[in-house]
Amino acid sequence: MSEDKNIPESEKVAGSDKLTASSSVGEYEPGEVVEEELVEGAPVRRKGIYLLPNALTTASLFSGFYAIVSAANGMFDNAAIAVFVSMILDGLDGRVARMTNTQSKFGEEYDSLSDMVAFGVAPGLVAFFWSLNELGQVGWAVTFIYVAGAALRLARFNTQIGSVDKKFFVGLASPAAAACVAGLVWCFHDVDPATWLTLMTIIVVGGSGVLMVSNILYRSFKDLDLRGRVPFAAILLVVLTFVVIALDPATVLFTGFLIYGLSGPFLALTRKARRKSASAD
């Protein structure tokens, strides 16, 4: 008791705080992911992560990393295909998480970081190793415009969740921008270097980066009802689509995503012209 009396009050408080902190930290294993969820209105802490959706996200990340390695080794067709594989896997992980009710904050953050590699860094470096590296500072500047645009696009998307109309994307979505760049490389990877091809690469890569951070609206197609009944002819249209893509995947995919990328500015100009004509009347 006499020893306790000789200890200053400030040290007693500090010591009790340390004890409380150490006891609270000891409740969890080091390195374990702990998330707080609301279950019937009550906060519940859960340890660990969901395997299936995060495994798909990891596969998407690996595919983006493989695209970078392939481009560095001169295998540009494989690199472009890997970017499209990342798109498929990225589309699956979110749907699988919703279908199996395994959404989590960790999964959202992991998916965003994976998208930055697969749809930001990977397409930019693939285009750089393929064509833009011959332009020196101009080449890496154009590449950085794309990579920075993808980072800003993903950051803005994460902050706008729940506050914008789900029918539209504000700015070109990063997977669509990546498809434009990867489709260009896949379509012309075996063409000899030429001035027109270099200019096209600058326009597609730089333009995709600018469109991602623009305020132009793009249809998200999230309002399509894929669960309801459709006419029998619809399945024939699906079969025809697969046949057309199989004939020349590189050209069809590049053309399709390029049209989608240009549809935003075109529709924006059309709406602006209609407003001007309406105000003039």
C-alpha atoms as a PDB file:
ATOM      1  CA  MET A   1       0.000   0.000   0.000  1.00  0.00           C
ATOM      2  CA  SER A   2       2.849   2.382   0.824  1.00  0.00           C
ATOM      3  CA  GLU A   3       4.454   1.756  -2.566  1.00  0.00           C
ATOM      4  CA  ASP A   4       1.177   2.623  -4.348  1.00  0.00           C
ATOM      5  CA  LYS A   5       0.985   5.885  -2.484  1.00  0.00           C
ATOM      6  CA  ASN A   6       4.434   6.900  -3.751  1.00  0.00           C
ATOM      7  CA  ILE A   7       3.415   6.415  -7.418  1.00  0.00           C
ATOM      8  CA  PRO A   8       2.225   9.653  -9.079  1.00  0.00           C
ATOM      9  CA  GLU A   9      -1.416   9.717 -10.176  1.00  0.00           C
ATOM     10  CA  SER A  10      -0.400  10.419 -13.826  1.00  0.00           C
ATOM     11  CA  GLU A  11       1.648   7.210 -13.943  1.00  0.00           C
ATOM     12  CA  LYS A  12      -1.218   5.254 -12.384  1.00  0.00           C
ATOM     13  CA  VAL A  13      -3.594   6.452 -15.117  1.00  0.00           C
ATOM     14  CA  ALA A  14      -1.069   5.761 -17.840  1.00  0.00           C
ATOM     15  CA  GLY A  15      -0.437   2.298 -16.484  1.00  0.00           C
ATOM     16  CA  SER A  16      -4.135   1.484 -16.374  1.00  0.00           C
ATOM     17  CA  ASP A  17      -4.545   2.707 -19.965  1.00  0.00           C
ATOM     18  CA  LYS A  18      -1.716   0.454 -21.095  1.00  0.00           C
ATOM     19  CA  LEU A  19      -3.304  -2.477 -19.311  1.00  0.00           C
ATOM     20  CA  THR A  20      -6.664  -1.831 -20.943  1.00  0.00           C
ATOM     21  CA  ALA A  21      -5.077  -1.447 -24.375  1.00  0.00           C
ATOM     22  CA  SER A  22      -3.039  -4.616 -24.043  1.00  0.00           C
ATOM     23  CA  SER A  23      -6.038  -6.620 -22.889  1.00  0.00           C
ATOM     24  CA  SER A  24      -8.169  -5.373 -25.792  1.00  0.00           C
ATOM     25  CA  VAL A  25      -5.448  -6.163 -28.296  1.00  0.00           C
ATOM     26  CA  GLY A  26      -5.057  -9.634 -26.875  1.00  0.00           C
ATOM     27  CA  GLU A  27      -8.614 -10.509 -27.833  1.00  0.00           C
ATOM     28  CA  TYR A  28      -7.591 -10.960 -31.483  1.00  0.00           C
ATOM     29  CA  GLU A  29      -4.876 -12.958 -33.142  1.00  0.00           C
ATOM     30  CA  PRO A  30      -2.073 -10.846 -34.637  1.00  0.00           C
ATOM     31  CA  GLY A  31      -2.646 -10.192 -38.327  1.00  0.00           C
ATOM     32  CA  GLU A  32      -6.265 -11.364 -38.291  1.00  0.00           C
ATOM     33  CA  VAL A  33      -8.924  -9.349 -40.104  1.00  0.00           C
ATOM     34  CA  VAL A  34     -11.747  -8.238 -37.786  1.00  0.00           C
ATOM     35  CA  GLU A  35     -14.866  -6.544 -39.135  1.00  0.00           C
ATOM     36  CA  GLU A  36     -17.911  -5.211 -37.343  1.00  0.00           C
ATOM     37  CA  GLU A  37     -21.288  -6.068 -38.873  1.00  0.00           C
ATOM     38  CA  LEU A  38     -24.837  -5.264 -37.880  1.00  0.00           C
ATOM     39  CA  VAL A  39     -26.898  -8.387 -37.151  1.00  0.00           C
ATOM     40  CA  GLU A  40     -30.533  -7.589 -36.293  1.00  0.00           C
ATOM     41  CA  GLY A  41     -29.479  -4.080 -35.320  1.00  0.00           C
ATOM     42  CA  ALA A  42     -26.688  -5.200 -32.967  1.00  0.00           C
ATOM     43  CA  PRO A  43     -22.968  -4.813 -33.804  1.00  0.00           C
ATOM     44  CA  VAL A  44     -21.183  -8.154 -34.108  1.00  0.00           C
ATOM     45  CA  ARG A  45     -17.450  -8.581 -34.633  1.00  0.00           C
ATOM     46  CA  ARG A  46     -16.376 -11.323 -37.022  1.00  0.00           C
ATOM     47  CA  LYS A  47     -12.857 -12.617 -37.636  1.00  0.00           C
ATOM     48  CA  GLY A  48     -11.495 -13.798 -40.980  1.00  0.00           C
ATOM     49  CA  ILE A  49     -12.470 -13.205 -44.608  1.00  0.00           C
ATOM     50  CA  TYR A  50     -14.751 -14.903 -47.121  1.00  0.00           C
ATOM     51  CA  LEU A  51     -12.748 -17.237 -49.347  1.00  0.00           C
ATOM     52  CA  LEU A  52     -14.715 -17.530 -52.608  1.00  0.00           C
ATOM     53  CA  PRO A  53     -15.166 -13.869 -53.663  1.00  0.00           C
ATOM     54  CA  ASN A  54     -11.672 -12.921 -52.475  1.00  0.00           C
ATOM     55  CA  ALA A  55     -10.193 -15.868 -54.378  1.00  0.00           C
ATOM     56  CA  LEU A  56     -11.793 -14.529 -57.566  1.00  0.00           C
ATOM     57  CA  THR A  57     -10.412 -11.075 -56.783  1.00  0.00           C
ATOM     58  CA  THR A  58      -6.964 -12.609 -56.295  1.00  0.00           C
ATOM     59  CA  ALA A  59      -7.271 -14.354 -59.662  1.00  0.00           C
ATOM     60  CA  SER A  60      -8.144 -11.010 -61.274  1.00  0.00           C
ATOM     61  CA  LEU A  61      -5.118  -9.423 -59.602  1.00  0.00           C
ATOM     62  CA  PHE A  62      -2.876 -12.250 -60.799  1.00  0.00           C
ATOM     63  CA  SER A  63      -4.166 -11.889 -64.343  1.00  0.00           C
ATOM     64  CA  GLY A  64      -3.341  -8.173 -64.293  1.00  0.00           C
ATOM     65  CA  PHE A  65       0.126  -8.922 -62.944  1.00  0.00           C
ATOM     66  CA  TYR A  66       0.599 -11.566 -65.644  1.00  0.00           C
ATOM     67  CA  ALA A  67      -0.320  -8.963 -68.264  1.00  0.00           C
ATOM     68  CA  ILE A  68       2.516  -6.725 -67.043  1.00  0.00           C
ATOM     69  CA  VAL A  69       5.042  -9.577 -67.055  1.00  0.00           C
ATOM     70  CA  SER A  70       3.945 -10.725 -70.534  1.00  0.00           C
ATOM     71  CA  ALA A  71       4.235  -7.202 -71.949  1.00  0.00           C
ATOM     72  CA  ALA A  72       7.718  -6.812 -70.448  1.00  0.00           C
ATOM     73  CA  ASN A  73       8.699 -10.037 -72.255  1.00  0.00           C
ATOM     74  CA  GLY A  74       7.204  -8.907 -75.570  1.00  0.00           C
ATOM     75  CA  MET A  75       4.164 -11.223 -75.524  1.00  0.00           C
ATOM     76  CA  PHE A  76       1.648  -8.458 -76.157  1.00  0.00           C
ATOM     77  CA  ASP A  77      -1.226 -10.648 -77.341  1.00  0.00           C
ATOM     78  CA  ASN A  78      -1.067 -12.682 -74.126  1.00  0.00           C
ATOM     79  CA  ALA A  79      -0.889  -9.463 -72.118  1.00  0.00           C
ATOM     80  CA  ALA A  80      -4.003  -8.050 -73.779  1.00  0.00           C
ATOM     81  CA  ILE A  81      -5.935 -11.292 -73.304  1.00  0.00           C
ATOM     82  CA  ALA A  82      -4.954 -11.328 -69.625  1.00  0.00           C
ATOM     83  CA  VAL A  83      -6.556  -7.894 -69.159  1.00  0.00           C
ATOM     84  CA  PHE A  84      -9.842  -9.205 -70.588  1.00  0.00           C
ATOM     85  CA  VAL A  85      -9.615 -12.243 -68.299  1.00  0.00           C
ATOM     86  CA  SER A  86      -9.279  -9.822 -65.375  1.00  0.00           C
ATOM     87  CA  MET A  87     -12.465  -8.113 -66.529  1.00  0.00           C
ATOM     88  CA  ILE A  88     -14.391 -11.393 -66.443  1.00  0.00           C
ATOM     89  CA  LEU A  89     -13.074 -12.297 -63.001  1.00  0.00           C
ATOM     90  CA  ASP A  90     -13.774  -8.795 -61.687  1.00  0.00           C
ATOM     91  CA  GLY A  91     -17.355  -9.077 -62.852  1.00  0.00           C
ATOM     92  CA  LEU A  92     -17.731 -12.447 -61.142  1.00  0.00           C
ATOM     93  CA  ASP A  93     -16.376 -11.658 -57.687  1.00  0.00           C
ATOM     94  CA  GLY A  94     -18.959  -8.998 -56.883  1.00  0.00           C
ATOM     95  CA  ARG A  95     -21.858 -11.068 -58.207  1.00  0.00           C
ATOM     96  CA  VAL A  96     -20.703 -14.155 -56.348  1.00  0.00           C
ATOM     97  CA  ALA A  97     -20.414 -12.130 -53.126  1.00  0.00           C
ATOM     98  CA  ARG A  98     -23.961 -10.821 -53.517  1.00  0.00           C
ATOM     99  CA  MET A  99     -25.404 -14.213 -54.479  1.00  0.00           C
ATOM    100  CA  THR A 100     -23.763 -15.965 -51.517  1.00  0.00           C
ATOM    101  CA  ASN A 101     -24.269 -13.029 -49.127  1.00  0.00           C
ATOM    102  CA  THR A 102     -20.521 -12.770 -48.483  1.00  0.00           C
ATOM    103  CA  GLN A 103     -20.021  -9.037 -48.987  1.00  0.00           C
ATOM    104  CA  SER A 104     -17.508  -7.419 -46.663  1.00  0.00           C
ATOM    105  CA  LYS A 105     -15.583  -4.188 -46.225  1.00  0.00           C
ATOM    106  CA  PHE A 106     -12.339  -6.093 -46.701  1.00  0.00           C
ATOM    107  CA  GLY A 107     -13.610  -7.478 -50.008  1.00  0.00           C
ATOM    108  CA  GLU A 108     -14.571  -4.015 -51.239  1.00  0.00           C
ATOM    109  CA  GLU A 109     -11.152  -2.557 -50.435  1.00  0.00           C
ATOM    110  CA  TYR A 110      -9.313  -5.567 -51.863  1.00  0.00           C
ATOM    111  CA  ASP A 111     -11.373  -5.416 -55.052  1.00  0.00           C
ATOM    112  CA  SER A 112     -10.587  -1.717 -55.498  1.00  0.00           C
ATOM    113  CA  LEU A 113      -6.842  -2.287 -55.086  1.00  0.00           C
ATOM    114  CA  SER A 114      -6.991  -5.216 -57.498  1.00  0.00           C
ATOM    115  CA  ASP A 115      -8.825  -3.061 -60.050  1.00  0.00           C
ATOM    116  CA  MET A 116      -6.090  -0.440 -59.814  1.00  0.00           C
ATOM    117  CA  VAL A 117      -3.511  -3.026 -60.873  1.00  0.00           C
ATOM    118  CA  ALA A 118      -5.615  -4.891 -63.443  1.00  0.00           C
ATOM    119  CA  PHE A 119      -7.323  -1.888 -65.080  1.00  0.00           C
ATOM    120  CA  GLY A 120      -4.925   0.931 -64.252  1.00  0.00           C
ATOM    121  CA  VAL A 121      -1.297  -0.108 -64.084  1.00  0.00           C
ATOM    122  CA  ALA A 122      -1.474  -3.201 -66.326  1.00  0.00           C
ATOM    123  CA  PRO A 123      -3.117  -1.659 -69.450  1.00  0.00           C
ATOM    124  CA  GLY A 124      -0.941   1.438 -69.150  1.00  0.00           C
ATOM    125  CA  LEU A 125       2.285  -0.557 -69.000  1.00  0.00           C
ATOM    126  CA  VAL A 126       1.157  -2.931 -71.749  1.00  0.00           C
ATOM    127  CA  ALA A 127       0.605   0.047 -74.079  1.00  0.00           C
ATOM    128  CA  PHE A 128       3.882   1.607 -72.932  1.00  0.00           C
ATOM    129  CA  PHE A 129       6.007  -1.490 -73.583  1.00  0.00           C
ATOM    130  CA  TRP A 130       4.229  -2.046 -76.896  1.00  0.00           C
ATOM    131  CA  SER A 131       4.445   1.412 -78.489  1.00  0.00           C
ATOM    132  CA  LEU A 132       4.750   4.419 -76.210  1.00  0.00           C
ATOM    133  CA  ASN A 133       8.224   3.674 -74.830  1.00  0.00           C
ATOM    134  CA  GLU A 134       9.695   4.811 -78.148  1.00  0.00           C
ATOM    135  CA  LEU A 135       8.394   8.352 -77.540  1.00  0.00           C
ATOM    136  CA  GLY A 136      10.550   9.028 -74.486  1.00  0.00           C
ATOM    137  CA  GLN A 137       9.039  11.511 -72.029  1.00  0.00           C
ATOM    138  CA  VAL A 138       5.898  11.912 -74.128  1.00  0.00           C
ATOM    139  CA  GLY A 139       5.301   8.166 -73.930  1.00  0.00           C
ATOM    140  CA  TRP A 140       5.514   7.844 -70.168  1.00  0.00           C
ATOM    141  CA  ALA A 141       3.548  11.087 -69.721  1.00  0.00           C
ATOM    142  CA  VAL A 142       0.638   9.687 -71.764  1.00  0.00           C
ATOM    143  CA  THR A 143       0.886   6.427 -69.822  1.00  0.00           C
ATOM    144  CA  PHE A 144       0.786   8.300 -66.514  1.00  0.00           C
ATOM    145  CA  ILE A 145      -2.313  10.220 -67.623  1.00  0.00           C
ATOM    146  CA  TYR A 146      -4.063   6.886 -68.055  1.00  0.00           C
ATOM    147  CA  VAL A 147      -2.806   5.378 -64.783  1.00  0.00           C
ATOM    148  CA  ALA A 148      -3.647   8.516 -62.784  1.00  0.00           C
ATOM    149  CA  GLY A 149      -7.063   8.674 -64.456  1.00  0.00           C
ATOM    150  CA  ALA A 150      -7.781   5.109 -63.380  1.00  0.00           C
ATOM    151  CA  ALA A 151      -6.744   5.848 -59.780  1.00  0.00           C
ATOM    152  CA  LEU A 152      -8.897   8.989 -59.624  1.00  0.00           C
ATOM    153  CA  ARG A 153     -11.817   7.180 -61.263  1.00  0.00           C
ATOM    154  CA  LEU A 154     -11.735   4.356 -58.713  1.00  0.00           C
ATOM    155  CA  ALA A 155     -11.398   6.772 -55.787  1.00  0.00           C
ATOM    156  CA  ARG A 156     -14.350   8.844 -56.993  1.00  0.00           C
ATOM    157  CA  PHE A 157     -16.451   5.740 -57.625  1.00  0.00           C
ATOM    158  CA  ASN A 158     -15.834   4.492 -54.080  1.00  0.00           C
ATOM    159  CA  THR A 159     -16.937   7.814 -52.602  1.00  0.00           C
ATOM    160  CA  GLN A 160     -20.060   8.058 -54.792  1.00  0.00           C
ATOM    161  CA  ILE A 161     -21.513   4.629 -53.946  1.00  0.00           C
ATOM    162  CA  GLY A 162     -25.136   5.111 -52.962  1.00  0.00           C
ATOM    163  CA  SER A 163     -25.246   8.786 -53.986  1.00  0.00           C
ATOM    164  CA  VAL A 164     -25.556   8.503 -57.787  1.00  0.00           C
ATOM    165  CA  ASP A 165     -28.062   6.856 -60.125  1.00  0.00           C
ATOM    166  CA  LYS A 166     -27.081   3.210 -60.639  1.00  0.00           C
ATOM    167  CA  LYS A 167     -28.233   3.403 -64.245  1.00  0.00           C
ATOM    168  CA  PHE A 168     -25.221   5.561 -65.133  1.00  0.00           C
ATOM    169  CA  PHE A 169     -21.482   5.734 -64.512  1.00  0.00           C
ATOM    170  CA  VAL A 170     -19.951   9.173 -63.968  1.00  0.00           C
ATOM    171  CA  GLY A 171     -16.983   8.959 -66.306  1.00  0.00           C
ATOM    172  CA  LEU A 172     -15.806   5.955 -68.284  1.00  0.00           C
ATOM    173  CA  ALA A 173     -15.577   2.876 -66.060  1.00  0.00           C
ATOM    174  CA  SER A 174     -12.010   1.623 -65.561  1.00  0.00           C
ATOM    175  CA  PRO A 175     -12.715  -1.901 -66.946  1.00  0.00           C
ATOM    176  CA  ALA A 176     -14.133  -0.377 -70.157  1.00  0.00           C
ATOM    177  CA  ALA A 177     -11.128   1.946 -70.452  1.00  0.00           C
ATOM    178  CA  ALA A 178      -8.791  -1.011 -69.934  1.00  0.00           C
ATOM    179  CA  ALA A 179     -10.678  -2.936 -72.622  1.00  0.00           C
ATOM    180  CA  CYS A 180     -10.149  -0.085 -75.104  1.00  0.00           C
ATOM    181  CA  VAL A 181      -6.395  -0.049 -74.467  1.00  0.00           C
ATOM    182  CA  ALA A 182      -5.979  -3.836 -74.322  1.00  0.00           C
ATOM    183  CA  GLY A 183      -8.207  -4.271 -77.385  1.00  0.00           C
ATOM    184  CA  LEU A 184      -6.017  -1.876 -79.357  1.00  0.00           C
ATOM    185  CA  VAL A 185      -2.865  -3.792 -78.435  1.00  0.00           C
ATOM    186  CA  TRP A 186      -4.486  -7.166 -79.134  1.00  0.00           C
ATOM    187  CA  CYS A 187      -5.854  -6.007 -82.488  1.00  0.00           C
ATOM    188  CA  PHE A 188      -2.602  -4.491 -83.794  1.00  0.00           C
ATOM    189  CA  HIS A 189       0.095  -6.362 -81.840  1.00  0.00           C
ATOM    190  CA  ASP A 190       1.535  -7.959 -84.990  1.00  0.00           C
ATOM    191  CA  VAL A 191       1.455  -4.777 -87.110  1.00  0.00           C
ATOM    192  CA  ASP A 192       4.792  -3.116 -87.884  1.00  0.00           C
ATOM    193  CA  PRO A 193       5.361   0.183 -86.021  1.00  0.00           C
ATOM    194  CA  ALA A 194       3.998   3.166 -87.930  1.00  0.00           C
ATOM    195  CA  THR A 195       3.236   6.815 -87.259  1.00  0.00           C
ATOM    196  CA  TRP A 196      -0.526   6.355 -87.573  1.00  0.00           C
ATOM    197  CA  LEU A 197      -0.480   3.491 -85.082  1.00  0.00           C
ATOM    198  CA  THR A 198       1.538   5.515 -82.575  1.00  0.00           C
ATOM    199  CA  LEU A 199      -0.888   8.425 -82.887  1.00  0.00           C
ATOM    200  CA  MET A 200      -3.834   6.074 -82.418  1.00  0.00           C
ATOM    201  CA  THR A 201      -2.207   4.647 -79.287  1.00  0.00           C
ATOM    202  CA  ILE A 202      -1.690   8.145 -77.848  1.00  0.00           C
ATOM    203  CA  ILE A 203      -5.310   9.061 -78.550  1.00  0.00           C
ATOM    204  CA  VAL A 204      -6.772   5.838 -77.128  1.00  0.00           C
ATOM    205  CA  VAL A 205      -4.565   5.698 -74.016  1.00  0.00           C
ATOM    206  CA  GLY A 206      -4.651   9.418 -73.213  1.00  0.00           C
ATOM    207  CA  GLY A 207      -8.304   9.775 -74.190  1.00  0.00           C
ATOM    208  CA  SER A 208      -9.347   6.848 -72.012  1.00  0.00           C
ATOM    209  CA  GLY A 209      -7.542   8.406 -69.063  1.00  0.00           C
ATOM    210  CA  VAL A 210      -9.305  11.739 -69.554  1.00  0.00           C
ATOM    211  CA  LEU A 211     -12.728  10.135 -70.050  1.00  0.00           C
ATOM    212  CA  MET A 212     -12.380   8.224 -66.778  1.00  0.00           C
ATOM    213  CA  VAL A 213     -12.119  11.461 -64.772  1.00  0.00           C
ATOM    214  CA  SER A 214     -14.711  13.353 -66.813  1.00  0.00           C
ATOM    215  CA  ASN A 215     -18.287  14.038 -65.707  1.00  0.00           C
ATOM    216  CA  ILE A 216     -19.708  12.404 -68.825  1.00  0.00           C
ATOM    217  CA  LEU A 217     -22.467   9.887 -68.111  1.00  0.00           C
ATOM    218  CA  TYR A 218     -22.258   6.322 -69.406  1.00  0.00           C
ATOM    219  CA  ARG A 219     -24.972   3.680 -69.285  1.00  0.00           C
ATOM    220  CA  SER A 220     -24.115   1.091 -66.634  1.00  0.00           C
ATOM    221  CA  PHE A 221     -26.732  -1.456 -67.845  1.00  0.00           C
ATOM    222  CA  LYS A 222     -27.367  -2.357 -64.195  1.00  0.00           C
ATOM    223  CA  ASP A 223     -31.073  -1.793 -64.751  1.00  0.00           C
ATOM    224  CA  LEU A 224     -31.318  -4.752 -67.130  1.00  0.00           C
ATOM    225  CA  ASP A 225     -33.481  -7.541 -65.727  1.00  0.00           C
ATOM    226  CA  LEU A 226     -31.527 -10.732 -66.402  1.00  0.00           C
ATOM    227  CA  ARG A 227     -33.780 -12.878 -64.220  1.00  0.00           C
ATOM    228  CA  GLY A 228     -37.100 -12.216 -65.944  1.00  0.00           C
ATOM    229  CA  ARG A 229     -38.533 -14.017 -68.943  1.00  0.00           C
ATOM    230  CA  VAL A 230     -37.606 -12.797 -72.430  1.00  0.00           C
ATOM    231  CA  PRO A 231     -38.789 -13.730 -75.943  1.00  0.00           C
ATOM    232  CA  PHE A 232     -37.250 -16.847 -77.468  1.00  0.00           C
ATOM    233  CA  ALA A 233     -35.488 -14.700 -80.072  1.00  0.00           C
ATOM    234  CA  ALA A 234     -33.322 -13.201 -77.328  1.00  0.00           C
ATOM    235  CA  ILE A 235     -31.348 -16.426 -76.907  1.00  0.00           C
ATOM    236  CA  LEU A 236     -30.712 -16.462 -80.660  1.00  0.00           C
ATOM    237  CA  LEU A 237     -29.241 -12.977 -80.321  1.00  0.00           C
ATOM    238  CA  VAL A 238     -26.935 -14.233 -77.570  1.00  0.00           C
ATOM    239  CA  VAL A 239     -25.779 -17.116 -79.774  1.00  0.00           C
ATOM    240  CA  LEU A 240     -25.153 -14.733 -82.656  1.00  0.00           C
ATOM    241  CA  THR A 241     -23.117 -12.466 -80.394  1.00  0.00           C
ATOM    242  CA  PHE A 242     -20.854 -15.322 -79.321  1.00  0.00           C
ATOM    243  CA  VAL A 243     -20.405 -16.415 -82.944  1.00  0.00           C
ATOM    244  CA  VAL A 244     -19.399 -12.915 -84.066  1.00  0.00           C
ATOM    245  CA  ILE A 245     -16.915 -12.576 -81.209  1.00  0.00           C
ATOM    246  CA  ALA A 246     -15.427 -15.993 -81.963  1.00  0.00           C
ATOM    247  CA  LEU A 247     -14.767 -15.030 -85.601  1.00  0.00           C
ATOM    248  CA  ASP A 248     -12.296 -12.292 -84.608  1.00  0.00           C
ATOM    249  CA  PRO A 249     -12.239 -11.624 -80.849  1.00  0.00           C
ATOM    250  CA  ALA A 250      -9.621  -8.871 -80.951  1.00  0.00           C
ATOM    251  CA  THR A 251     -11.358  -6.744 -83.580  1.00  0.00           C
ATOM    252  CA  VAL A 252     -14.876  -7.279 -82.251  1.00  0.00           C
ATOM    253  CA  LEU A 253     -14.007  -6.516 -78.620  1.00  0.00           C
ATOM    254  CA  PHE A 254     -11.890  -3.484 -79.490  1.00  0.00           C
ATOM    255  CA  THR A 255     -14.564  -2.073 -81.783  1.00  0.00           C
ATOM    256  CA  GLY A 256     -17.342  -2.715 -79.276  1.00  0.00           C
ATOM    257  CA  PHE A 257     -15.609  -1.084 -76.322  1.00  0.00           C
ATOM    258  CA  LEU A 258     -14.342   1.790 -78.467  1.00  0.00           C
ATOM    259  CA  ILE A 259     -17.918   2.522 -79.556  1.00  0.00           C
ATOM    260  CA  TYR A 260     -18.999   2.384 -75.911  1.00  0.00           C
ATOM    261  CA  GLY A 261     -16.205   4.792 -74.945  1.00  0.00           C
ATOM    262  CA  LEU A 262     -17.225   7.241 -77.677  1.00  0.00           C
ATOM    263  CA  SER A 263     -20.926   6.908 -76.894  1.00  0.00           C
ATOM    264  CA  GLY A 264     -20.564   9.013 -73.758  1.00  0.00           C
ATOM    265  CA  PRO A 265     -19.242  12.193 -75.442  1.00  0.00           C
ATOM    266  CA  PHE A 266     -21.622  11.678 -78.390  1.00  0.00           C
ATOM    267  CA  LEU A 267     -24.714  11.444 -76.186  1.00  0.00           C
ATOM    268  CA  ALA A 268     -23.492  14.366 -74.064  1.00  0.00           C
ATOM    269  CA  LEU A 269     -23.166  16.557 -77.170  1.00  0.00           C
ATOM    270  CA  THR A 270     -26.570  15.373 -78.373  1.00  0.00           C
ATOM    271  CA  ARG A 271     -28.225  16.307 -75.067  1.00  0.00           C
ATOM    272  CA  LYS A 272     -26.487  19.683 -75.109  1.00  0.00           C
ATOM    273  CA  ALA A 273     -27.698  20.394 -78.661  1.00  0.00           C
ATOM    274  CA  ARG A 274     -31.258  19.441 -77.684  1.00  0.00           C
ATOM    275  CA  ARG A 275     -31.191  21.794 -74.707  1.00  0.00           C
ATOM    276  CA  LYS A 276     -29.957  24.640 -76.882  1.00  0.00           C
ATOM    277  CA  SER A 277     -32.659  24.039 -79.473  1.00  0.00           C
ATOM    278  CA  ALA A 278     -35.318  23.814 -76.744  1.00  0.00           C
ATOM    279  CA  SER A 279     -34.184  27.097 -75.165  1.00  0.00           C
ATOM    280  CA  ALA A 280     -34.123  28.775 -78.577  1.00  0.00           C
ATOM    281  CA  ASP A 281     -37.725  27.722 -79.237  1.00  0.00           C
END
